[in-house]
């Protein structure tokens, strides 16, 4: 695994920028049914999409891109917020990494995962009305590290970043001013809070970002009350 501390920015060439190109726009294709469904983008590792029951094309909804931890999948990624999505009225997108974990962690470079996330976002924007004021990148564990890194790199797209128990942050650039929510358990034995969030948070704040930070008395997990608080924070108007 990569270093727990903030690492040097990736070289600014076309294959390593980590920049996403997809942007929200009025839908041009018919939206599939509500509820949970696979993305079906023709990849071995695909992902899931959850559409809230009350979704309407004339009412743009918040979108959350949810990133799983190492060895995980779309179902793992959705777990913190899927049960809350209908009440909150949020669209959940859970793309899966091309390998066991995300490219910047496995290969020390941005690459194929960025390309797949961009495809997944384009798929969603073509079919659903998304509120550009509420687009979040969320993740747990390795997914949290990737959410922080990719989220700051694409802060001109993501308005919010949610990181549950991150290990490091490695943005290729700083764009925009996304708001950030970070949580971490003081009893975490997988990614210890001292060299991880307690170093990440001051550095992110020092870079000028607004951070809501929550420590809790627990292990490497996402407690229900923390998950609920983060979702309410994200959807607040």
C-alpha atoms as a PDB file:
ATOM      1  CA  UNK A   1       0.000   0.000   0.000  1.00  0.00           C
ATOM      2  CA  UNK A   2       1.085   3.544  -0.637  1.00  0.00           C
ATOM      3  CA  UNK A   3       2.471   5.810   2.041  1.00  0.00           C
ATOM      4  CA  UNK A   4      -0.044   7.101   4.583  1.00  0.00           C
ATOM      5  CA  UNK A   5       1.111  10.672   4.116  1.00  0.00           C
ATOM      6  CA  UNK A   6       0.297  13.078   1.299  1.00  0.00           C
ATOM      7  CA  UNK A   7       2.457  12.150  -1.686  1.00  0.00           C
ATOM      8  CA  UNK A   8       3.950  14.250  -4.485  1.00  0.00           C
ATOM      9  CA  UNK A   9       1.631  15.230  -7.287  1.00  0.00           C
ATOM     10  CA  UNK A  10       1.586  12.947 -10.317  1.00  0.00           C
ATOM     11  CA  UNK A  11       3.309  14.149 -13.505  1.00  0.00           C
ATOM     12  CA  UNK A  12       0.937  16.352 -15.548  1.00  0.00           C
ATOM     13  CA  UNK A  13       0.903  14.194 -18.740  1.00  0.00           C
ATOM     14  CA  UNK A  14      -2.260  12.988 -20.450  1.00  0.00           C
ATOM     15  CA  UNK A  15      -2.197   9.494 -18.941  1.00  0.00           C
ATOM     16  CA  UNK A  16      -1.689  10.628 -15.369  1.00  0.00           C
ATOM     17  CA  UNK A  17      -3.788  13.737 -14.884  1.00  0.00           C
ATOM     18  CA  UNK A  18      -6.640  11.899 -13.165  1.00  0.00           C
ATOM     19  CA  UNK A  19      -9.024  14.368 -14.766  1.00  0.00           C
ATOM     20  CA  UNK A  20     -12.635  13.373 -15.446  1.00  0.00           C
ATOM     21  CA  UNK A  21     -14.314  14.815 -18.536  1.00  0.00           C
ATOM     22  CA  UNK A  22     -17.995  13.873 -18.038  1.00  0.00           C
ATOM     23  CA  UNK A  23     -20.280  16.687 -16.872  1.00  0.00           C
ATOM     24  CA  UNK A  24     -23.982  16.826 -15.954  1.00  0.00           C
ATOM     25  CA  UNK A  25     -26.373  17.955 -18.686  1.00  0.00           C
ATOM     26  CA  UNK A  26     -30.072  17.512 -19.537  1.00  0.00           C
ATOM     27  CA  UNK A  27     -30.696  13.780 -20.156  1.00  0.00           C
ATOM     28  CA  UNK A  28     -30.796  12.672 -23.788  1.00  0.00           C
ATOM     29  CA  UNK A  29     -31.695   8.994 -23.249  1.00  0.00           C
ATOM     30  CA  UNK A  30     -34.583   7.313 -21.427  1.00  0.00           C
ATOM     31  CA  UNK A  31     -33.817   6.453 -17.812  1.00  0.00           C
ATOM     32  CA  UNK A  32     -34.019   2.750 -16.873  1.00  0.00           C
ATOM     33  CA  UNK A  33     -36.246   1.544 -14.050  1.00  0.00           C
ATOM     34  CA  UNK A  34     -35.889   2.788 -10.471  1.00  0.00           C
ATOM     35  CA  UNK A  35     -34.087   0.837  -7.773  1.00  0.00           C
ATOM     36  CA  UNK A  36     -30.882  -1.186  -7.973  1.00  0.00           C
ATOM     37  CA  UNK A  37     -29.431  -2.271 -11.296  1.00  0.00           C
ATOM     38  CA  UNK A  38     -26.046  -3.155 -12.851  1.00  0.00           C
ATOM     39  CA  UNK A  39     -24.294  -0.621 -15.038  1.00  0.00           C
ATOM     40  CA  UNK A  40     -23.650  -3.211 -17.775  1.00  0.00           C
ATOM     41  CA  UNK A  41     -20.827  -1.273 -19.398  1.00  0.00           C
ATOM     42  CA  UNK A  42     -19.292  -4.398 -20.897  1.00  0.00           C
ATOM     43  CA  UNK A  43     -16.488  -4.805 -18.369  1.00  0.00           C
ATOM     44  CA  UNK A  44     -15.538  -7.859 -16.292  1.00  0.00           C
ATOM     45  CA  UNK A  45     -15.778  -5.702 -13.196  1.00  0.00           C
ATOM     46  CA  UNK A  46     -18.749  -3.422 -13.695  1.00  0.00           C
ATOM     47  CA  UNK A  47     -20.640  -1.603 -10.952  1.00  0.00           C
ATOM     48  CA  UNK A  48     -24.082  -0.753  -9.668  1.00  0.00           C
ATOM     49  CA  UNK A  49     -26.518   2.137  -9.873  1.00  0.00           C
ATOM     50  CA  UNK A  50     -29.272   2.888  -7.372  1.00  0.00           C
ATOM     51  CA  UNK A  51     -32.056   5.189  -8.539  1.00  0.00           C
ATOM     52  CA  UNK A  52     -34.373   6.553  -5.807  1.00  0.00           C
ATOM     53  CA  UNK A  53     -38.019   5.532  -6.130  1.00  0.00           C
ATOM     54  CA  UNK A  54     -39.289   9.100  -6.430  1.00  0.00           C
ATOM     55  CA  UNK A  55     -36.810  10.165  -9.114  1.00  0.00           C
ATOM     56  CA  UNK A  56     -38.291  12.535 -11.724  1.00  0.00           C
ATOM     57  CA  UNK A  57     -36.545  13.967 -14.739  1.00  0.00           C
ATOM     58  CA  UNK A  58     -37.899  17.436 -14.017  1.00  0.00           C
ATOM     59  CA  UNK A  59     -36.291  17.456 -10.550  1.00  0.00           C
ATOM     60  CA  UNK A  60     -32.493  17.101 -10.725  1.00  0.00           C
ATOM     61  CA  UNK A  61     -31.179  14.979  -7.874  1.00  0.00           C
ATOM     62  CA  UNK A  62     -27.905  14.823  -5.927  1.00  0.00           C
ATOM     63  CA  UNK A  63     -25.441  12.194  -7.171  1.00  0.00           C
ATOM     64  CA  UNK A  64     -22.968  10.225  -5.060  1.00  0.00           C
ATOM     65  CA  UNK A  65     -20.156   8.218  -6.646  1.00  0.00           C
ATOM     66  CA  UNK A  66     -19.347   5.520  -4.062  1.00  0.00           C
ATOM     67  CA  UNK A  67     -15.971   3.750  -4.004  1.00  0.00           C
ATOM     68  CA  UNK A  68     -15.357   0.388  -2.322  1.00  0.00           C
ATOM     69  CA  UNK A  69     -12.357  -0.631  -0.258  1.00  0.00           C
ATOM     70  CA  UNK A  70      -9.608  -3.050  -1.316  1.00  0.00           C
ATOM     71  CA  UNK A  71     -11.034  -6.343  -2.586  1.00  0.00           C
ATOM     72  CA  UNK A  72     -14.544  -4.927  -2.579  1.00  0.00           C
ATOM     73  CA  UNK A  73     -17.258  -4.427  -5.173  1.00  0.00           C
ATOM     74  CA  UNK A  74     -20.252  -2.252  -5.939  1.00  0.00           C
ATOM     75  CA  UNK A  75     -22.465  -3.824  -3.279  1.00  0.00           C
ATOM     76  CA  UNK A  76     -19.859  -3.124  -0.617  1.00  0.00           C
ATOM     77  CA  UNK A  77     -19.552   0.453  -1.843  1.00  0.00           C
ATOM     78  CA  UNK A  78     -23.294   1.128  -1.635  1.00  0.00           C
ATOM     79  CA  UNK A  79     -23.706  -0.219   1.890  1.00  0.00           C
ATOM     80  CA  UNK A  80     -23.315   3.021   3.896  1.00  0.00           C
ATOM     81  CA  UNK A  81     -26.130   4.863   2.071  1.00  0.00           C
ATOM     82  CA  UNK A  82     -28.284   2.492  -0.004  1.00  0.00           C
ATOM     83  CA  UNK A  83     -30.952   2.143   2.713  1.00  0.00           C
ATOM     84  CA  UNK A  84     -31.043   5.939   3.066  1.00  0.00           C
ATOM     85  CA  UNK A  85     -31.161   6.809  -0.627  1.00  0.00           C
ATOM     86  CA  UNK A  86     -34.938   6.845  -1.138  1.00  0.00           C
ATOM     87  CA  UNK A  87     -35.624   9.128   1.817  1.00  0.00           C
ATOM     88  CA  UNK A  88     -32.726  11.413   0.926  1.00  0.00           C
ATOM     89  CA  UNK A  89     -33.604  11.372  -2.779  1.00  0.00           C
ATOM     90  CA  UNK A  90     -30.057  10.697  -3.964  1.00  0.00           C
ATOM     91  CA  UNK A  91     -28.739   8.794  -6.962  1.00  0.00           C
ATOM     92  CA  UNK A  92     -25.941   6.352  -6.061  1.00  0.00           C
ATOM     93  CA  UNK A  93     -23.289   5.216  -8.533  1.00  0.00           C
ATOM     94  CA  UNK A  94     -20.848   2.485  -7.472  1.00  0.00           C
ATOM     95  CA  UNK A  95     -18.230   1.753 -10.160  1.00  0.00           C
ATOM     96  CA  UNK A  96     -15.807  -1.078  -9.481  1.00  0.00           C
ATOM     97  CA  UNK A  97     -12.022  -0.836  -9.727  1.00  0.00           C
ATOM     98  CA  UNK A  98     -10.364  -2.619 -12.650  1.00  0.00           C
ATOM     99  CA  UNK A  99      -8.188  -4.618 -10.252  1.00  0.00           C
ATOM    100  CA  UNK A 100      -8.459  -5.559  -6.559  1.00  0.00           C
ATOM    101  CA  UNK A 101      -8.073  -1.884  -5.608  1.00  0.00           C
ATOM    102  CA  UNK A 102      -7.811   1.533  -7.264  1.00  0.00           C
ATOM    103  CA  UNK A 103      -5.095   2.438  -9.768  1.00  0.00           C
ATOM    104  CA  UNK A 104      -3.308   5.143  -7.781  1.00  0.00           C
ATOM    105  CA  UNK A 105      -2.900   2.647  -4.915  1.00  0.00           C
ATOM    106  CA  UNK A 106      -2.019  -0.438  -6.933  1.00  0.00           C
ATOM    107  CA  UNK A 107       0.080   1.196  -9.639  1.00  0.00           C
ATOM    108  CA  UNK A 108       1.093   4.555  -8.120  1.00  0.00           C
ATOM    109  CA  UNK A 109      -0.470   6.254 -11.158  1.00  0.00           C
ATOM    110  CA  UNK A 110      -3.903   7.328 -12.324  1.00  0.00           C
ATOM    111  CA  UNK A 111      -5.143   5.419 -15.350  1.00  0.00           C
ATOM    112  CA  UNK A 112      -7.723   2.770 -16.166  1.00  0.00           C
ATOM    113  CA  UNK A 113      -9.935   3.380 -13.125  1.00  0.00           C
ATOM    114  CA  UNK A 114     -10.248   7.062 -13.990  1.00  0.00           C
ATOM    115  CA  UNK A 115     -11.299   6.090 -17.511  1.00  0.00           C
ATOM    116  CA  UNK A 116     -13.938   3.666 -16.234  1.00  0.00           C
ATOM    117  CA  UNK A 117     -15.353   6.129 -13.708  1.00  0.00           C
ATOM    118  CA  UNK A 118     -15.589   8.681 -16.512  1.00  0.00           C
ATOM    119  CA  UNK A 119     -17.556   6.176 -18.632  1.00  0.00           C
ATOM    120  CA  UNK A 120     -19.877   5.438 -15.724  1.00  0.00           C
ATOM    121  CA  UNK A 121     -20.479   9.147 -15.108  1.00  0.00           C
ATOM    122  CA  UNK A 122     -21.209   9.746 -18.797  1.00  0.00           C
ATOM    123  CA  UNK A 123     -23.727   6.882 -18.681  1.00  0.00           C
ATOM    124  CA  UNK A 124     -25.508   8.472 -15.722  1.00  0.00           C
ATOM    125  CA  UNK A 125     -25.491  12.006 -17.103  1.00  0.00           C
ATOM    126  CA  UNK A 126     -27.000  10.803 -20.396  1.00  0.00           C
ATOM    127  CA  UNK A 127     -29.965   9.220 -18.579  1.00  0.00           C
ATOM    128  CA  UNK A 128     -30.598  11.132 -15.350  1.00  0.00           C
ATOM    129  CA  UNK A 129     -31.066  14.748 -14.297  1.00  0.00           C
ATOM    130  CA  UNK A 130     -28.292  15.474 -11.801  1.00  0.00           C
ATOM    131  CA  UNK A 131     -28.030  18.561  -9.602  1.00  0.00           C
ATOM    132  CA  UNK A 132     -24.585  20.042 -10.396  1.00  0.00           C
ATOM    133  CA  UNK A 133     -24.553  21.706  -6.958  1.00  0.00           C
ATOM    134  CA  UNK A 134     -24.607  18.318  -5.233  1.00  0.00           C
ATOM    135  CA  UNK A 135     -22.188  15.807  -6.728  1.00  0.00           C
ATOM    136  CA  UNK A 136     -20.140  13.856  -4.191  1.00  0.00           C
ATOM    137  CA  UNK A 137     -17.272  11.390  -4.379  1.00  0.00           C
ATOM    138  CA  UNK A 138     -17.417   9.036  -1.383  1.00  0.00           C
ATOM    139  CA  UNK A 139     -15.349   6.052  -0.314  1.00  0.00           C
ATOM    140  CA  UNK A 140     -14.302   3.758   2.518  1.00  0.00           C
ATOM    141  CA  UNK A 141     -10.732   2.674   3.335  1.00  0.00           C
ATOM    142  CA  UNK A 142      -8.810   2.434   0.011  1.00  0.00           C
ATOM    143  CA  UNK A 143     -11.921   3.932  -1.564  1.00  0.00           C
ATOM    144  CA  UNK A 144     -11.681   6.847   0.858  1.00  0.00           C
ATOM    145  CA  UNK A 145      -8.059   7.477  -0.086  1.00  0.00           C
ATOM    146  CA  UNK A 146      -9.081   7.402  -3.740  1.00  0.00           C
ATOM    147  CA  UNK A 147     -12.093   9.642  -3.119  1.00  0.00           C
ATOM    148  CA  UNK A 148      -9.925  12.292  -1.480  1.00  0.00           C
ATOM    149  CA  UNK A 149      -7.282  12.074  -4.191  1.00  0.00           C
ATOM    150  CA  UNK A 150      -9.579  12.006  -7.209  1.00  0.00           C
ATOM    151  CA  UNK A 151     -12.048  14.392  -5.592  1.00  0.00           C
ATOM    152  CA  UNK A 152      -9.523  17.175  -5.100  1.00  0.00           C
ATOM    153  CA  UNK A 153      -8.142  16.540  -8.582  1.00  0.00           C
ATOM    154  CA  UNK A 154     -11.681  17.011  -9.932  1.00  0.00           C
ATOM    155  CA  UNK A 155     -13.031  19.633  -7.580  1.00  0.00           C
ATOM    156  CA  UNK A 156     -14.510  21.412 -10.585  1.00  0.00           C
ATOM    157  CA  UNK A 157     -16.959  18.479 -10.857  1.00  0.00           C
ATOM    158  CA  UNK A 158     -17.341  17.200  -7.297  1.00  0.00           C
ATOM    159  CA  UNK A 159     -18.842  19.670  -4.847  1.00  0.00           C
ATOM    160  CA  UNK A 160     -18.344  17.341  -1.870  1.00  0.00           C
ATOM    161  CA  UNK A 161     -15.903  14.591  -0.895  1.00  0.00           C
ATOM    162  CA  UNK A 162     -16.666  12.016   1.817  1.00  0.00           C
ATOM    163  CA  UNK A 163     -13.821   9.845   3.133  1.00  0.00           C
ATOM    164  CA  UNK A 164     -14.591   7.151   5.698  1.00  0.00           C
ATOM    165  CA  UNK A 165     -11.288   5.962   7.245  1.00  0.00           C
ATOM    166  CA  UNK A 166      -8.783   7.067   4.570  1.00  0.00           C
ATOM    167  CA  UNK A 167      -5.110   6.089   4.533  1.00  0.00           C
ATOM    168  CA  UNK A 168      -3.546   8.802   2.362  1.00  0.00           C
ATOM    169  CA  UNK A 169      -4.239  11.533  -0.162  1.00  0.00           C
ATOM    170  CA  UNK A 170      -2.523  11.903  -3.547  1.00  0.00           C
ATOM    171  CA  UNK A 171      -4.195  14.488  -5.790  1.00  0.00           C
ATOM    172  CA  UNK A 172      -2.693  15.109  -9.214  1.00  0.00           C
ATOM    173  CA  UNK A 173      -3.924  18.716  -9.006  1.00  0.00           C
ATOM    174  CA  UNK A 174      -6.187  20.996  -6.979  1.00  0.00           C
ATOM    175  CA  UNK A 175      -9.255  22.181  -8.838  1.00  0.00           C
ATOM    176  CA  UNK A 176     -12.287  23.889  -7.378  1.00  0.00           C
ATOM    177  CA  UNK A 177     -13.210  24.019  -3.697  1.00  0.00           C
ATOM    178  CA  UNK A 178     -15.104  20.840  -2.739  1.00  0.00           C
ATOM    179  CA  UNK A 179     -16.231  20.568   0.861  1.00  0.00           C
ATOM    180  CA  UNK A 180     -14.803  17.563   2.687  1.00  0.00           C
ATOM    181  CA  UNK A 181     -16.124  15.142   5.329  1.00  0.00           C
ATOM    182  CA  UNK A 182     -13.672  12.729   6.968  1.00  0.00           C
ATOM    183  CA  UNK A 183     -14.301  10.163   9.699  1.00  0.00           C
ATOM    184  CA  UNK A 184     -12.020   7.655  11.414  1.00  0.00           C
ATOM    185  CA  UNK A 185     -12.218   5.201  14.310  1.00  0.00           C
ATOM    186  CA  UNK A 186      -9.728   5.652  17.128  1.00  0.00           C
ATOM    187  CA  UNK A 187      -9.481   1.832  17.429  1.00  0.00           C
ATOM    188  CA  UNK A 188      -8.787   1.278  13.728  1.00  0.00           C
ATOM    189  CA  UNK A 189      -6.117  -1.439  13.387  1.00  0.00           C
ATOM    190  CA  UNK A 190      -6.202  -1.524   9.555  1.00  0.00           C
ATOM    191  CA  UNK A 191      -5.428   2.134   8.844  1.00  0.00           C
ATOM    192  CA  UNK A 192      -4.355   3.644  12.143  1.00  0.00           C
ATOM    193  CA  UNK A 193      -5.813   7.049  12.863  1.00  0.00           C
ATOM    194  CA  UNK A 194      -2.504   8.662  13.912  1.00  0.00           C
ATOM    195  CA  UNK A 195      -0.531   8.345  10.675  1.00  0.00           C
ATOM    196  CA  UNK A 196      -3.696   8.575   8.567  1.00  0.00           C
ATOM    197  CA  UNK A 197      -6.591  10.976   9.245  1.00  0.00           C
ATOM    198  CA  UNK A 198      -4.818  12.902  12.008  1.00  0.00           C
ATOM    199  CA  UNK A 199      -2.180  13.828   9.438  1.00  0.00           C
ATOM    200  CA  UNK A 200      -4.479  14.132   6.444  1.00  0.00           C
ATOM    201  CA  UNK A 201      -6.988  16.539   8.002  1.00  0.00           C
ATOM    202  CA  UNK A 202      -4.505  19.314   8.988  1.00  0.00           C
ATOM    203  CA  UNK A 203      -2.803  19.120   5.601  1.00  0.00           C
ATOM    204  CA  UNK A 204      -6.088  19.382   3.717  1.00  0.00           C
ATOM    205  CA  UNK A 205      -7.194  22.267   5.916  1.00  0.00           C
ATOM    206  CA  UNK A 206      -3.826  23.905   5.376  1.00  0.00           C
ATOM    207  CA  UNK A 207      -4.432  23.713   1.632  1.00  0.00           C
ATOM    208  CA  UNK A 208      -7.551  25.850   2.123  1.00  0.00           C
ATOM    209  CA  UNK A 209     -10.343  23.261   2.137  1.00  0.00           C
ATOM    210  CA  UNK A 210     -13.292  23.268   4.525  1.00  0.00           C
ATOM    211  CA  UNK A 211     -13.275  19.954   6.434  1.00  0.00           C
ATOM    212  CA  UNK A 212     -15.829  18.416   8.792  1.00  0.00           C
ATOM    213  CA  UNK A 213     -13.920  15.785  10.771  1.00  0.00           C
ATOM    214  CA  UNK A 214     -15.386  13.115  13.025  1.00  0.00           C
ATOM    215  CA  UNK A 215     -13.499  10.660  15.201  1.00  0.00           C
ATOM    216  CA  UNK A 216     -15.444   7.809  16.796  1.00  0.00           C
ATOM    217  CA  UNK A 217     -14.747   5.119  19.377  1.00  0.00           C
ATOM    218  CA  UNK A 218     -14.564   2.142  17.067  1.00  0.00           C
ATOM    219  CA  UNK A 219     -12.572   0.074  14.515  1.00  0.00           C
ATOM    220  CA  UNK A 220     -12.210   0.147  10.718  1.00  0.00           C
ATOM    221  CA  UNK A 221     -15.851   0.684   9.830  1.00  0.00           C
ATOM    222  CA  UNK A 222     -18.582   3.219   9.045  1.00  0.00           C
ATOM    223  CA  UNK A 223     -20.982   3.551  12.007  1.00  0.00           C
ATOM    224  CA  UNK A 224     -24.614   4.205  11.084  1.00  0.00           C
ATOM    225  CA  UNK A 225     -24.712   7.558  12.866  1.00  0.00           C
ATOM    226  CA  UNK A 226     -21.587   8.727  11.027  1.00  0.00           C
ATOM    227  CA  UNK A 227     -23.027   7.592   7.687  1.00  0.00           C
ATOM    228  CA  UNK A 228     -26.305   9.392   8.388  1.00  0.00           C
ATOM    229  CA  UNK A 229     -24.549  12.597   9.444  1.00  0.00           C
ATOM    230  CA  UNK A 230     -22.384  12.595   6.329  1.00  0.00           C
ATOM    231  CA  UNK A 231     -25.371  12.112   4.022  1.00  0.00           C
ATOM    232  CA  UNK A 232     -27.341  14.882   5.753  1.00  0.00           C
ATOM    233  CA  UNK A 233     -24.280  17.155   5.468  1.00  0.00           C
ATOM    234  CA  UNK A 234     -24.020  16.421   1.749  1.00  0.00           C
ATOM    235  CA  UNK A 235     -27.712  16.924   0.917  1.00  0.00           C
ATOM    236  CA  UNK A 236     -28.157  20.101   2.971  1.00  0.00           C
ATOM    237  CA  UNK A 237     -29.340  22.946   0.721  1.00  0.00           C
END
